[in-house]
């Protein structure tokens, strides 16, 4: 059985490495996981260049020190949220994410043969930017004011649901969940 999952990540690049700060996962349209991770190292350990890079990319509104979940839990919690703990071995996850870099990072973290990760903006040309997707029936986490992974995961789920309904209405073959 295919298990449809939507994922959004927010973070920043430090030393050419993506540091995830916030992740939201929506499985089966109903199982929601949302985490804001602590920083992997103290701010003072970053070079001046890395501090500048983070400050210039500070578009999601999260502080470096924000987060309640230890960064060492990133791989385990994201894997459990995407793949699930109760699933049988014959289930495969079909994961939708928006953005090639997010897809690559997620593929490295999950490292599983039982999933397919699709990049919405590469596979579906008519999807708008996350900023421009409809915010109806979404919510924010309340920790920051913009680029919220929680809201984004609902935006992409809602967009896919709308496309699916439109395809059914016009009897067009669709491949979205």
C-alpha atoms as a PDB file:
ATOM      1  CA  UNK A   1       0.000   0.000   0.000  1.00  0.00           C
ATOM      2  CA  UNK A   2       1.194   3.524  -0.835  1.00  0.00           C
ATOM      3  CA  UNK A   3       1.193   5.960   2.105  1.00  0.00           C
ATOM      4  CA  UNK A   4       1.029   9.576   0.920  1.00  0.00           C
ATOM      5  CA  UNK A   5       3.078  12.013   2.974  1.00  0.00           C
ATOM      6  CA  UNK A   6       3.743  15.748   2.683  1.00  0.00           C
ATOM      7  CA  UNK A   7       6.867  17.327   4.173  1.00  0.00           C
ATOM      8  CA  UNK A   8       8.205  20.840   4.549  1.00  0.00           C
ATOM      9  CA  UNK A   9      11.509  21.869   6.087  1.00  0.00           C
ATOM     10  CA  UNK A  10      12.824  25.266   7.128  1.00  0.00           C
ATOM     11  CA  UNK A  11      16.438  25.881   8.000  1.00  0.00           C
ATOM     12  CA  UNK A  12      19.602  27.490   6.760  1.00  0.00           C
ATOM     13  CA  UNK A  13      23.016  26.737   5.305  1.00  0.00           C
ATOM     14  CA  UNK A  14      26.034  26.755   7.619  1.00  0.00           C
ATOM     15  CA  UNK A  15      29.391  25.806   6.130  1.00  0.00           C
ATOM     16  CA  UNK A  16      27.734  24.408   2.972  1.00  0.00           C
ATOM     17  CA  UNK A  17      25.574  22.129   5.128  1.00  0.00           C
ATOM     18  CA  UNK A  18      21.803  22.447   5.545  1.00  0.00           C
ATOM     19  CA  UNK A  19      20.766  22.814   9.179  1.00  0.00           C
ATOM     20  CA  UNK A  20      17.082  21.955   9.613  1.00  0.00           C
ATOM     21  CA  UNK A  21      15.370  24.136  12.169  1.00  0.00           C
ATOM     22  CA  UNK A  22      11.701  23.254  11.637  1.00  0.00           C
ATOM     23  CA  UNK A  23       9.977  20.283  10.024  1.00  0.00           C
ATOM     24  CA  UNK A  24       6.319  19.478   9.452  1.00  0.00           C
ATOM     25  CA  UNK A  25       5.064  16.114   8.190  1.00  0.00           C
ATOM     26  CA  UNK A  26       1.485  15.231   7.228  1.00  0.00           C
ATOM     27  CA  UNK A  27       0.891  11.492   6.647  1.00  0.00           C
ATOM     28  CA  UNK A  28      -2.300   9.983   5.288  1.00  0.00           C
ATOM     29  CA  UNK A  29      -3.875  13.444   5.362  1.00  0.00           C
ATOM     30  CA  UNK A  30      -4.397  13.156   9.125  1.00  0.00           C
ATOM     31  CA  UNK A  31      -1.224  12.269  11.061  1.00  0.00           C
ATOM     32  CA  UNK A  32       0.637  15.506  11.753  1.00  0.00           C
ATOM     33  CA  UNK A  33       4.131  15.868  13.197  1.00  0.00           C
ATOM     34  CA  UNK A  34       5.789  19.230  13.786  1.00  0.00           C
ATOM     35  CA  UNK A  35       9.183  19.850  15.366  1.00  0.00           C
ATOM     36  CA  UNK A  36      11.390  22.865  15.996  1.00  0.00           C
ATOM     37  CA  UNK A  37      14.917  21.686  16.748  1.00  0.00           C
ATOM     38  CA  UNK A  38      17.543  23.264  18.963  1.00  0.00           C
ATOM     39  CA  UNK A  39      20.731  24.502  17.345  1.00  0.00           C
ATOM     40  CA  UNK A  40      23.353  21.819  16.674  1.00  0.00           C
ATOM     41  CA  UNK A  41      26.075  24.024  18.189  1.00  0.00           C
ATOM     42  CA  UNK A  42      26.262  27.282  20.146  1.00  0.00           C
ATOM     43  CA  UNK A  43      26.133  30.529  18.134  1.00  0.00           C
ATOM     44  CA  UNK A  44      29.641  31.386  19.348  1.00  0.00           C
ATOM     45  CA  UNK A  45      31.020  28.260  17.610  1.00  0.00           C
ATOM     46  CA  UNK A  46      30.030  29.631  14.205  1.00  0.00           C
ATOM     47  CA  UNK A  47      32.578  31.588  12.212  1.00  0.00           C
ATOM     48  CA  UNK A  48      31.832  35.241  11.444  1.00  0.00           C
ATOM     49  CA  UNK A  49      31.117  34.197   7.861  1.00  0.00           C
ATOM     50  CA  UNK A  50      28.641  31.523   9.008  1.00  0.00           C
ATOM     51  CA  UNK A  51      26.956  33.990  11.370  1.00  0.00           C
ATOM     52  CA  UNK A  52      26.630  36.494   8.528  1.00  0.00           C
ATOM     53  CA  UNK A  53      25.313  33.776   6.200  1.00  0.00           C
ATOM     54  CA  UNK A  54      22.678  32.767   8.749  1.00  0.00           C
ATOM     55  CA  UNK A  55      21.627  36.358   9.416  1.00  0.00           C
ATOM     56  CA  UNK A  56      21.311  37.123   5.696  1.00  0.00           C
ATOM     57  CA  UNK A  57      19.191  33.981   5.169  1.00  0.00           C
ATOM     58  CA  UNK A  58      17.063  34.647   8.255  1.00  0.00           C
ATOM     59  CA  UNK A  59      13.847  34.530   6.235  1.00  0.00           C
ATOM     60  CA  UNK A  60      11.803  32.126   8.345  1.00  0.00           C
ATOM     61  CA  UNK A  61      11.864  34.188  11.530  1.00  0.00           C
ATOM     62  CA  UNK A  62      13.287  31.501  13.815  1.00  0.00           C
ATOM     63  CA  UNK A  63      16.165  32.409  16.121  1.00  0.00           C
ATOM     64  CA  UNK A  64      19.313  30.242  16.110  1.00  0.00           C
ATOM     65  CA  UNK A  65      18.603  29.301  19.743  1.00  0.00           C
ATOM     66  CA  UNK A  66      14.886  28.523  19.197  1.00  0.00           C
ATOM     67  CA  UNK A  67      13.661  24.966  19.555  1.00  0.00           C
ATOM     68  CA  UNK A  68      12.752  22.426  22.200  1.00  0.00           C
ATOM     69  CA  UNK A  69      13.789  19.184  20.493  1.00  0.00           C
ATOM     70  CA  UNK A  70      17.459  18.197  20.617  1.00  0.00           C
ATOM     71  CA  UNK A  71      19.154  18.416  17.238  1.00  0.00           C
ATOM     72  CA  UNK A  72      20.546  14.908  17.758  1.00  0.00           C
ATOM     73  CA  UNK A  73      16.957  13.632  17.335  1.00  0.00           C
ATOM     74  CA  UNK A  74      16.543  15.010  13.773  1.00  0.00           C
ATOM     75  CA  UNK A  75      17.092  11.776  11.840  1.00  0.00           C
ATOM     76  CA  UNK A  76      15.090   9.561  14.186  1.00  0.00           C
ATOM     77  CA  UNK A  77      12.062  11.849  14.538  1.00  0.00           C
ATOM     78  CA  UNK A  78      11.831  12.729  10.856  1.00  0.00           C
ATOM     79  CA  UNK A  79      12.163   9.065   9.870  1.00  0.00           C
ATOM     80  CA  UNK A  80       9.435   8.048  12.328  1.00  0.00           C
ATOM     81  CA  UNK A  81       7.158  10.866  11.145  1.00  0.00           C
ATOM     82  CA  UNK A  82       7.600  10.066   7.434  1.00  0.00           C
ATOM     83  CA  UNK A  83       7.803   6.276   7.445  1.00  0.00           C
ATOM     84  CA  UNK A  84       5.860   5.598  10.647  1.00  0.00           C
ATOM     85  CA  UNK A  85       6.404   3.064  13.377  1.00  0.00           C
ATOM     86  CA  UNK A  86       3.180   1.107  13.027  1.00  0.00           C
ATOM     87  CA  UNK A  87       3.462   0.486   9.299  1.00  0.00           C
ATOM     88  CA  UNK A  88       4.052  -2.993   7.920  1.00  0.00           C
ATOM     89  CA  UNK A  89       7.038  -3.751   5.725  1.00  0.00           C
ATOM     90  CA  UNK A  90       4.942  -3.927   2.550  1.00  0.00           C
ATOM     91  CA  UNK A  91       3.940  -0.245   2.777  1.00  0.00           C
ATOM     92  CA  UNK A  92       5.778   2.335   0.707  1.00  0.00           C
ATOM     93  CA  UNK A  93       5.774   6.052   1.437  1.00  0.00           C
ATOM     94  CA  UNK A  94       5.166   8.498  -1.398  1.00  0.00           C
ATOM     95  CA  UNK A  95       6.607  11.755  -0.090  1.00  0.00           C
ATOM     96  CA  UNK A  96       5.864  15.151  -1.626  1.00  0.00           C
ATOM     97  CA  UNK A  97       8.182  18.058  -0.903  1.00  0.00           C
ATOM     98  CA  UNK A  98       8.578  21.434  -2.591  1.00  0.00           C
ATOM     99  CA  UNK A  99      12.148  22.256  -3.563  1.00  0.00           C
ATOM    100  CA  UNK A 100      14.991  20.161  -4.978  1.00  0.00           C
ATOM    101  CA  UNK A 101      17.378  20.969  -2.100  1.00  0.00           C
ATOM    102  CA  UNK A 102      14.783  19.861   0.448  1.00  0.00           C
ATOM    103  CA  UNK A 103      14.257  16.651  -1.513  1.00  0.00           C
ATOM    104  CA  UNK A 104      17.982  15.860  -1.569  1.00  0.00           C
ATOM    105  CA  UNK A 105      18.419  16.568   2.144  1.00  0.00           C
ATOM    106  CA  UNK A 106      15.369  14.484   3.036  1.00  0.00           C
ATOM    107  CA  UNK A 107      16.552  11.568   0.876  1.00  0.00           C
ATOM    108  CA  UNK A 108      19.909  11.597   2.695  1.00  0.00           C
ATOM    109  CA  UNK A 109      18.258  11.681   6.126  1.00  0.00           C
ATOM    110  CA  UNK A 110      15.659   8.985   5.403  1.00  0.00           C
ATOM    111  CA  UNK A 111      17.943   6.612   3.481  1.00  0.00           C
ATOM    112  CA  UNK A 112      15.182   4.057   2.850  1.00  0.00           C
ATOM    113  CA  UNK A 113      14.225   1.811  -0.056  1.00  0.00           C
ATOM    114  CA  UNK A 114      10.559   1.909   0.980  1.00  0.00           C
ATOM    115  CA  UNK A 115       9.875   5.436  -0.166  1.00  0.00           C
ATOM    116  CA  UNK A 116       9.718   7.688  -3.186  1.00  0.00           C
ATOM    117  CA  UNK A 117      10.297  11.414  -2.789  1.00  0.00           C
ATOM    118  CA  UNK A 118       8.778  13.664  -5.430  1.00  0.00           C
ATOM    119  CA  UNK A 119       9.617  17.320  -5.839  1.00  0.00           C
ATOM    120  CA  UNK A 120       6.330  19.082  -6.555  1.00  0.00           C
ATOM    121  CA  UNK A 121       7.820  21.991  -8.474  1.00  0.00           C
ATOM    122  CA  UNK A 122       9.810  19.633 -10.720  1.00  0.00           C
ATOM    123  CA  UNK A 123       7.054  17.088 -11.314  1.00  0.00           C
ATOM    124  CA  UNK A 124       4.061  19.462 -11.462  1.00  0.00           C
ATOM    125  CA  UNK A 125       4.798  22.625 -13.434  1.00  0.00           C
ATOM    126  CA  UNK A 126       1.597  24.454 -12.478  1.00  0.00           C
ATOM    127  CA  UNK A 127       2.328  24.697  -8.738  1.00  0.00           C
ATOM    128  CA  UNK A 128       2.943  28.229  -7.507  1.00  0.00           C
ATOM    129  CA  UNK A 129       5.606  29.273  -4.986  1.00  0.00           C
ATOM    130  CA  UNK A 130       4.925  28.367  -1.355  1.00  0.00           C
ATOM    131  CA  UNK A 131       4.529  32.066  -0.595  1.00  0.00           C
ATOM    132  CA  UNK A 132       1.700  32.353  -3.147  1.00  0.00           C
ATOM    133  CA  UNK A 133      -0.217  29.136  -2.384  1.00  0.00           C
ATOM    134  CA  UNK A 134      -3.641  29.539  -0.783  1.00  0.00           C
ATOM    135  CA  UNK A 135      -3.587  29.800   3.024  1.00  0.00           C
ATOM    136  CA  UNK A 136      -7.212  28.673   3.440  1.00  0.00           C
ATOM    137  CA  UNK A 137      -7.510  25.726   5.863  1.00  0.00           C
ATOM    138  CA  UNK A 138      -3.945  26.099   7.129  1.00  0.00           C
ATOM    139  CA  UNK A 139      -2.403  27.088  10.441  1.00  0.00           C
ATOM    140  CA  UNK A 140       0.912  28.430  11.690  1.00  0.00           C
ATOM    141  CA  UNK A 141       2.910  27.164  14.630  1.00  0.00           C
ATOM    142  CA  UNK A 142       2.975  30.584  16.317  1.00  0.00           C
ATOM    143  CA  UNK A 143       6.745  30.579  16.849  1.00  0.00           C
ATOM    144  CA  UNK A 144       7.472  32.895  13.927  1.00  0.00           C
ATOM    145  CA  UNK A 145       5.667  35.064  11.423  1.00  0.00           C
ATOM    146  CA  UNK A 146       6.721  33.831   7.995  1.00  0.00           C
ATOM    147  CA  UNK A 147       7.781  30.729   6.082  1.00  0.00           C
ATOM    148  CA  UNK A 148       6.279  28.337   8.619  1.00  0.00           C
ATOM    149  CA  UNK A 149       6.837  24.653   7.769  1.00  0.00           C
ATOM    150  CA  UNK A 150       3.549  23.764   9.465  1.00  0.00           C
ATOM    151  CA  UNK A 151       1.573  26.148   7.275  1.00  0.00           C
ATOM    152  CA  UNK A 152       3.536  25.109   4.168  1.00  0.00           C
ATOM    153  CA  UNK A 153       2.767  21.416   4.627  1.00  0.00           C
ATOM    154  CA  UNK A 154      -0.952  22.228   4.700  1.00  0.00           C
ATOM    155  CA  UNK A 155      -0.564  24.469   1.642  1.00  0.00           C
ATOM    156  CA  UNK A 156       0.991  21.695  -0.465  1.00  0.00           C
ATOM    157  CA  UNK A 157      -1.504  19.108   0.816  1.00  0.00           C
ATOM    158  CA  UNK A 158      -4.399  21.411  -0.071  1.00  0.00           C
ATOM    159  CA  UNK A 159      -2.923  22.160  -3.506  1.00  0.00           C
ATOM    160  CA  UNK A 160      -2.584  18.432  -4.261  1.00  0.00           C
ATOM    161  CA  UNK A 161      -6.129  17.758  -3.027  1.00  0.00           C
ATOM    162  CA  UNK A 162      -7.445  20.523  -5.291  1.00  0.00           C
ATOM    163  CA  UNK A 163      -5.578  19.087  -8.302  1.00  0.00           C
ATOM    164  CA  UNK A 164      -6.922  15.605  -7.538  1.00  0.00           C
ATOM    165  CA  UNK A 165     -10.527  16.884  -7.315  1.00  0.00           C
ATOM    166  CA  UNK A 166     -10.129  18.818 -10.562  1.00  0.00           C
ATOM    167  CA  UNK A 167      -8.799  15.724 -12.340  1.00  0.00           C
ATOM    168  CA  UNK A 168     -11.709  13.604 -11.075  1.00  0.00           C
ATOM    169  CA  UNK A 169     -14.208  16.252 -12.193  1.00  0.00           C
ATOM    170  CA  UNK A 170     -12.774  16.347 -15.721  1.00  0.00           C
ATOM    171  CA  UNK A 171     -12.013  12.595 -15.812  1.00  0.00           C
ATOM    172  CA  UNK A 172      -8.292  13.227 -16.263  1.00  0.00           C
ATOM    173  CA  UNK A 173      -5.789  10.619 -15.123  1.00  0.00           C
ATOM    174  CA  UNK A 174      -3.971  11.887 -12.041  1.00  0.00           C
ATOM    175  CA  UNK A 175      -0.978  10.548 -10.180  1.00  0.00           C
ATOM    176  CA  UNK A 176      -1.212  12.597  -7.003  1.00  0.00           C
ATOM    177  CA  UNK A 177      -2.112  10.293  -4.129  1.00  0.00           C
END
